[in-house]
């Protein structure tokens, strides 16, 4: 029979520490980063097959850098996180974790990720990882307190991972295809983040964040922004089709499917802009989650 923990023999804190570290590193969110990195690597490997060891090093270094930047982000936003119900229980604002310890975690992970990419993958992915960390930590994070343009800036580090995956494959540099991958992820994040920020706008406003959704009670401004970005996404599939990266019948399928997905997102944005219902924006948010794997799947199917 197991014994109950007593004051003299406290319960093992290791499980809680593991959970707090996962929150500090935003592991669940950064799984998305690894998915997009893998996608860039996959497209670049279409002609010669996947080097699985190189892929493992690419994903490992990217994960370390992403985890480290997430720790720095939370260190810089402790006071704001403490004001929002959904973030107040994070390890730093709840004071379960020493900020100095979190700083050490962020520093070691970021440095290890960049160095690992430089040694095991190549200098260009390492440089891109360093740029991602720098923009996310030193520009995007402090800008959230002062300007709503932070959403545009924040989409930059979120759009770099597939480019890292692309350039990790030998013979692939910062070319037109890499730029296309960057633009695709950049544009996708905008309606996605607009939907999130509007759904939790009251907490953002009370905490002191400067977001596009601030003061937008009717949702018309947020809906209009989402519609504009969605229409840009609807046009974007023409690029790889014209460039010859998605040739033949599969390319036509990817073109038609990509245009349709963008138009569907624009329609959902327009519906919210008209009725201002929370349920409409929630549908838009859920569709942004569905859009990306569908669009990436179409591109993977058609890419030459």
Protein backbone atom coordinates (compact mmCIF):
# COMPACT_ATOMS: atom_id res chain seq x y z
CA UNK A 1 0.00 0.00 0.00
CA UNK A 2 1.38 3.41 -0.95
CA UNK A 3 1.90 6.01 1.71
CA UNK A 4 0.35 9.47 1.64
CA UNK A 5 2.83 12.34 1.26
CA UNK A 6 3.49 14.17 4.51
CA UNK A 7 5.05 17.46 5.47
CA UNK A 8 8.26 15.60 6.28
CA UNK A 9 8.33 13.85 2.91
CA UNK A 10 6.85 16.10 0.20
CA UNK A 11 5.40 14.78 -3.01
CA UNK A 12 7.91 14.29 -5.84
CA UNK A 13 8.11 17.66 -7.69
CA UNK A 14 9.63 16.17 -10.85
CA UNK A 15 6.35 15.72 -12.80
CA UNK A 16 5.33 19.34 -12.15
CA UNK A 17 8.76 20.57 -13.18
CA UNK A 18 8.49 18.64 -16.46
CA UNK A 19 5.08 20.18 -17.09
CA UNK A 20 6.38 23.67 -16.32
CA UNK A 21 9.34 23.21 -18.64
CA UNK A 22 6.98 22.14 -21.44
CA UNK A 23 4.91 25.28 -20.86
CA UNK A 24 8.02 27.46 -20.70
CA UNK A 25 9.25 26.06 -24.02
CA UNK A 26 5.75 26.14 -25.57
CA UNK A 27 6.25 22.58 -26.76
CA UNK A 28 2.76 22.15 -28.18
CA UNK A 29 2.92 25.38 -30.17
CA UNK A 30 6.42 24.63 -31.44
CA UNK A 31 5.33 21.27 -32.81
CA UNK A 32 3.80 23.42 -35.54
CA UNK A 33 7.25 24.92 -36.20
CA UNK A 34 8.68 21.44 -36.67
CA UNK A 35 5.87 20.48 -39.05
CA UNK A 36 6.54 23.44 -41.32
CA UNK A 37 10.29 22.85 -41.16
CA UNK A 38 9.70 19.26 -42.20
CA UNK A 39 7.49 20.42 -45.06
CA UNK A 40 10.23 22.67 -46.47
CA UNK A 41 12.72 19.82 -46.17
CA UNK A 42 10.26 17.46 -47.87
CA UNK A 43 9.71 19.70 -50.89
CA UNK A 44 13.45 20.26 -51.31
CA UNK A 45 14.01 16.48 -51.17
CA UNK A 46 11.41 15.56 -53.80
CA UNK A 47 13.99 15.02 -56.53
CA UNK A 48 16.62 13.06 -54.60
CA UNK A 49 14.94 11.35 -51.66
CA UNK A 50 14.98 12.22 -47.97
CA UNK A 51 18.23 12.12 -46.01
CA UNK A 52 16.70 11.02 -42.72
CA UNK A 53 19.76 11.74 -40.59
CA UNK A 54 20.03 15.26 -42.00
CA UNK A 55 16.31 15.72 -41.37
CA UNK A 56 16.72 14.62 -37.75
CA UNK A 57 19.55 17.14 -37.21
CA UNK A 58 17.49 19.87 -38.87
CA UNK A 59 14.43 19.24 -36.73
CA UNK A 60 16.51 18.82 -33.58
CA UNK A 61 18.37 22.10 -33.98
CA UNK A 62 15.20 23.94 -34.98
CA UNK A 63 13.35 22.59 -31.95
CA UNK A 64 16.09 23.69 -29.55
CA UNK A 65 16.15 27.22 -30.97
CA UNK A 66 12.36 27.46 -30.90
CA UNK A 67 12.14 26.21 -27.32
CA UNK A 68 14.79 28.69 -26.22
CA UNK A 69 13.09 31.68 -27.85
CA UNK A 70 9.79 30.70 -26.20
CA UNK A 71 11.48 30.79 -22.79
CA UNK A 72 12.88 34.27 -23.47
CA UNK A 73 9.46 35.42 -24.66
CA UNK A 74 7.81 34.41 -21.39
CA UNK A 75 10.58 35.98 -19.35
CA UNK A 76 9.91 39.32 -21.04
CA UNK A 77 6.14 39.07 -20.59
CA UNK A 78 5.83 37.92 -16.98
CA UNK A 79 3.94 41.03 -15.90
CA UNK A 80 1.50 40.85 -18.83
CA UNK A 81 0.94 37.10 -18.48
CA UNK A 82 0.08 37.62 -14.81
CA UNK A 83 -2.85 39.88 -15.82
CA UNK A 84 -4.55 37.31 -18.07
CA UNK A 85 -6.50 34.37 -16.73
CA UNK A 86 -5.36 32.01 -19.49
CA UNK A 87 -1.64 32.68 -18.83
CA UNK A 88 -1.54 33.55 -15.11
CA UNK A 89 -0.77 29.95 -14.16
CA UNK A 90 2.33 29.73 -16.33
CA UNK A 91 5.43 28.86 -14.29
CA UNK A 92 6.92 32.36 -14.28
CA UNK A 93 3.91 34.57 -13.44
CA UNK A 94 2.78 32.00 -10.83
CA UNK A 95 6.31 32.13 -9.35
CA UNK A 96 6.82 28.39 -9.48
CA UNK A 97 9.99 28.92 -11.51
CA UNK A 98 12.98 31.14 -10.81
CA UNK A 99 13.44 33.70 -13.64
CA UNK A 100 17.21 33.11 -13.53
CA UNK A 101 16.62 29.40 -14.15
CA UNK A 102 14.29 30.22 -17.05
CA UNK A 103 16.92 32.58 -18.49
CA UNK A 104 19.50 29.80 -18.34
CA UNK A 105 17.13 27.41 -20.08
CA UNK A 106 16.40 29.93 -22.83
CA UNK A 107 20.06 30.79 -23.36
CA UNK A 108 21.30 27.20 -23.45
CA UNK A 109 18.55 25.94 -25.75
CA UNK A 110 18.82 28.83 -28.22
CA UNK A 111 22.60 28.61 -28.40
CA UNK A 112 22.58 24.83 -28.65
CA UNK A 113 20.04 24.90 -31.47
CA UNK A 114 21.94 27.45 -33.55
CA UNK A 115 25.29 25.73 -32.99
CA UNK A 116 23.84 22.31 -33.78
CA UNK A 117 22.39 23.56 -37.06
CA UNK A 118 25.69 25.21 -37.97
CA UNK A 119 27.75 22.07 -37.29
CA UNK A 120 25.40 19.31 -38.44
CA UNK A 121 23.27 20.97 -41.14
CA UNK A 122 24.84 24.09 -42.61
CA UNK A 123 25.56 27.77 -42.04
CA UNK A 124 22.44 29.11 -43.80
CA UNK A 125 19.87 27.24 -41.65
CA UNK A 126 21.85 28.30 -38.56
CA UNK A 127 21.77 31.95 -39.66
CA UNK A 128 18.05 31.72 -40.32
CA UNK A 129 17.52 30.22 -36.86
CA UNK A 130 19.51 33.07 -35.29
CA UNK A 131 17.44 35.63 -37.21
CA UNK A 132 14.24 33.90 -36.08
CA UNK A 133 15.25 34.03 -32.42
CA UNK A 134 16.42 37.64 -32.68
CA UNK A 135 13.25 38.93 -34.37
CA UNK A 136 10.95 36.96 -32.07
CA UNK A 137 12.67 37.92 -28.83
CA UNK A 138 14.09 41.40 -29.42
CA UNK A 139 11.59 42.95 -31.86
CA UNK A 140 8.24 41.15 -31.82
CA UNK A 141 7.96 40.53 -28.07
CA UNK A 142 8.60 44.13 -26.88
CA UNK A 143 6.62 45.58 -29.81
CA UNK A 144 3.43 43.92 -28.54
CA UNK A 145 3.30 46.57 -25.81
CA UNK A 146 3.53 49.55 -28.18
CA UNK A 147 2.13 48.87 -31.66
CA UNK A 148 -0.45 46.65 -33.34
CA UNK A 149 2.04 46.14 -36.18
CA UNK A 150 3.50 43.45 -33.91
CA UNK A 151 1.27 40.94 -35.74
CA UNK A 152 3.06 41.62 -39.02
CA UNK A 153 6.47 41.46 -37.35
CA UNK A 154 5.56 38.30 -35.44
CA UNK A 155 4.60 36.55 -38.67
CA UNK A 156 8.21 36.86 -39.88
CA UNK A 157 9.82 34.37 -37.44
CA UNK A 158 6.79 32.11 -37.91
CA UNK A 159 7.40 32.04 -41.67
CA UNK A 160 11.12 31.22 -41.55
CA UNK A 161 11.02 27.53 -40.42
CA UNK A 162 9.95 26.07 -43.82
CA UNK A 163 12.75 28.10 -45.39
CA UNK A 164 15.15 26.53 -42.91
CA UNK A 165 13.92 23.11 -43.95
CA UNK A 166 14.31 24.01 -47.64
CA UNK A 167 17.86 25.35 -47.28
CA UNK A 168 18.92 22.41 -45.09
CA UNK A 169 18.88 20.15 -48.16
CA UNK A 170 22.17 20.39 -50.12
CA UNK A 171 21.87 22.43 -53.31
CA UNK A 172 18.93 24.53 -52.11
CA UNK A 173 19.48 28.17 -51.28
CA UNK A 174 17.36 31.29 -50.78
CA UNK A 175 15.67 31.09 -54.17
CA UNK A 176 12.18 31.75 -55.50
CA UNK A 177 10.73 28.58 -53.99
CA UNK A 178 12.10 29.52 -50.56
CA UNK A 179 10.50 32.94 -50.90
CA UNK A 180 7.19 31.34 -51.85
CA UNK A 181 7.27 29.14 -48.73
CA UNK A 182 8.00 32.20 -46.60
CA UNK A 183 5.12 34.20 -48.11
CA UNK A 184 2.69 31.29 -47.74
CA UNK A 185 3.38 30.90 -44.03
CA UNK A 186 3.52 34.66 -43.50
CA UNK A 187 0.10 35.26 -45.06
CA UNK A 188 -1.51 32.25 -43.37
CA UNK A 189 -0.55 33.47 -39.91
CA UNK A 190 -2.31 36.81 -40.34
CA UNK A 191 -5.98 35.68 -40.47
CA UNK A 192 -5.09 33.00 -37.92
CA UNK A 193 -3.69 35.53 -35.45
CA UNK A 194 -6.46 38.05 -36.16
CA UNK A 195 -9.02 35.40 -35.22
CA UNK A 196 -7.18 34.51 -32.02
CA UNK A 197 -6.68 38.12 -30.95
CA UNK A 198 -10.33 39.01 -31.50
CA UNK A 199 -11.59 35.98 -29.58
CA UNK A 200 -9.50 36.96 -26.52
CA UNK A 201 -9.44 40.71 -27.15
CA UNK A 202 -10.75 41.66 -23.69
CA UNK A 203 -7.84 39.94 -21.96
CA UNK A 204 -5.32 41.42 -24.40
CA UNK A 205 -6.71 44.91 -23.81
CA UNK A 206 -6.70 44.55 -20.02
CA UNK A 207 -3.14 43.18 -20.04
CA UNK A 208 -1.85 46.07 -22.14
CA UNK A 209 -1.15 44.41 -25.49
CA UNK A 210 -1.59 46.53 -28.61
CA UNK A 211 -3.50 44.40 -31.11
CA UNK A 212 -5.57 45.03 -34.25
CA UNK A 213 -8.60 43.76 -32.34
CA UNK A 214 -8.38 46.39 -29.58
CA UNK A 215 -11.63 48.34 -29.44
CA UNK A 216 -13.12 46.32 -32.30
CA UNK A 217 -16.28 45.27 -30.49
CA UNK A 218 -18.26 44.76 -33.70
CA UNK A 219 -15.46 42.72 -35.28
CA UNK A 220 -15.77 44.53 -38.60
CA UNK A 221 -12.17 45.71 -38.69
CA UNK A 222 -10.84 42.27 -37.73
CA UNK A 223 -13.14 40.57 -40.25
CA UNK A 224 -12.03 42.92 -43.01
CA UNK A 225 -8.35 42.30 -42.26
CA UNK A 226 -8.91 38.55 -42.30
CA UNK A 227 -10.78 38.78 -45.60
CA UNK A 228 -7.97 40.78 -47.23
CA UNK A 229 -5.27 38.36 -46.11
CA UNK A 230 -7.41 35.38 -47.13
CA UNK A 231 -7.87 36.78 -50.63
CA UNK A 232 -4.09 37.12 -50.88
CA UNK A 233 -3.83 33.44 -49.95
CA UNK A 234 -6.38 32.61 -52.64
CA UNK A 235 -4.16 34.22 -55.29
CA UNK A 236 -0.89 32.76 -53.98
CA UNK A 237 -1.22 29.22 -55.52
CA UNK A 238 -0.85 30.81 -58.96
CA UNK A 239 2.82 31.48 -58.16
CA UNK A 240 4.15 27.87 -58.02
CA UNK A 241 1.92 26.93 -60.94
CA UNK A 242 3.33 29.70 -63.17
CA UNK A 243 6.88 28.99 -61.96
CA UNK A 244 6.57 25.34 -63.02
CA UNK A 245 7.08 23.91 -59.54
CA UNK A 246 3.66 22.21 -59.66
CA UNK A 247 3.34 20.99 -63.27
CA UNK A 248 0.80 18.80 -65.05
CA UNK A 249 -2.52 17.55 -63.74
CA UNK A 250 -1.34 17.47 -60.08
CA UNK A 251 -0.39 21.13 -60.47
CA UNK A 252 -3.85 21.99 -61.75
CA UNK A 253 -5.36 20.18 -58.78
CA UNK A 254 -3.11 22.08 -56.37
CA UNK A 255 -3.92 25.37 -58.09
CA UNK A 256 -7.67 24.85 -57.99
CA UNK A 257 -7.64 23.48 -54.46
CA UNK A 258 -5.45 26.29 -53.13
CA UNK A 259 -7.61 28.99 -54.70
CA UNK A 260 -10.75 27.36 -53.33
CA UNK A 261 -9.32 27.11 -49.81
CA UNK A 262 -8.38 30.79 -49.83
CA UNK A 263 -11.80 31.83 -51.09
CA UNK A 264 -13.49 29.73 -48.42
CA UNK A 265 -11.45 31.48 -45.74
CA UNK A 266 -12.32 34.86 -47.26
CA UNK A 267 -16.02 33.91 -47.24
CA UNK A 268 -15.85 32.98 -43.56
CA UNK A 269 -14.11 36.30 -42.84
CA UNK A 270 -16.81 38.16 -44.76
CA UNK A 271 -19.56 36.37 -42.86
CA UNK A 272 -18.07 37.44 -39.56
CA UNK A 273 -17.60 40.99 -40.82
CA UNK A 274 -21.34 41.10 -41.58
CA UNK A 275 -22.84 39.48 -38.48
CA UNK A 276 -20.17 40.10 -35.80
CA UNK A 277 -21.05 36.86 -34.04
CA UNK A 278 -18.43 35.15 -31.90
CA UNK A 279 -19.45 31.80 -33.36
CA UNK A 280 -18.61 33.08 -36.87
CA UNK A 281 -15.10 34.07 -35.86
CA UNK A 282 -14.64 30.73 -34.10
CA UNK A 283 -15.50 29.00 -37.39
CA UNK A 284 -12.92 31.17 -39.13
CA UNK A 285 -10.31 30.27 -36.51
CA UNK A 286 -11.02 26.55 -36.87
CA UNK A 287 -10.82 26.83 -40.65
CA UNK A 288 -7.39 28.49 -40.44
CA UNK A 289 -6.23 25.37 -38.56
CA UNK A 290 -7.65 23.21 -41.34
CA UNK A 291 -6.36 25.36 -44.20
CA UNK A 292 -2.65 24.91 -43.64
CA UNK A 293 -2.39 21.08 -43.63
CA UNK A 294 -4.71 20.93 -46.65
CA UNK A 295 -2.72 23.50 -48.62
CA UNK A 296 0.61 21.93 -47.67
CA UNK A 297 -0.75 18.52 -48.64
CA UNK A 298 -1.78 19.83 -52.08
CA UNK A 299 1.67 21.33 -52.63
CA UNK A 300 3.44 18.13 -51.50
CA UNK A 301 1.24 16.15 -53.92
CA UNK A 302 1.95 18.41 -56.90
CA UNK A 303 5.53 19.61 -56.32
CA UNK A 304 7.88 18.31 -58.98
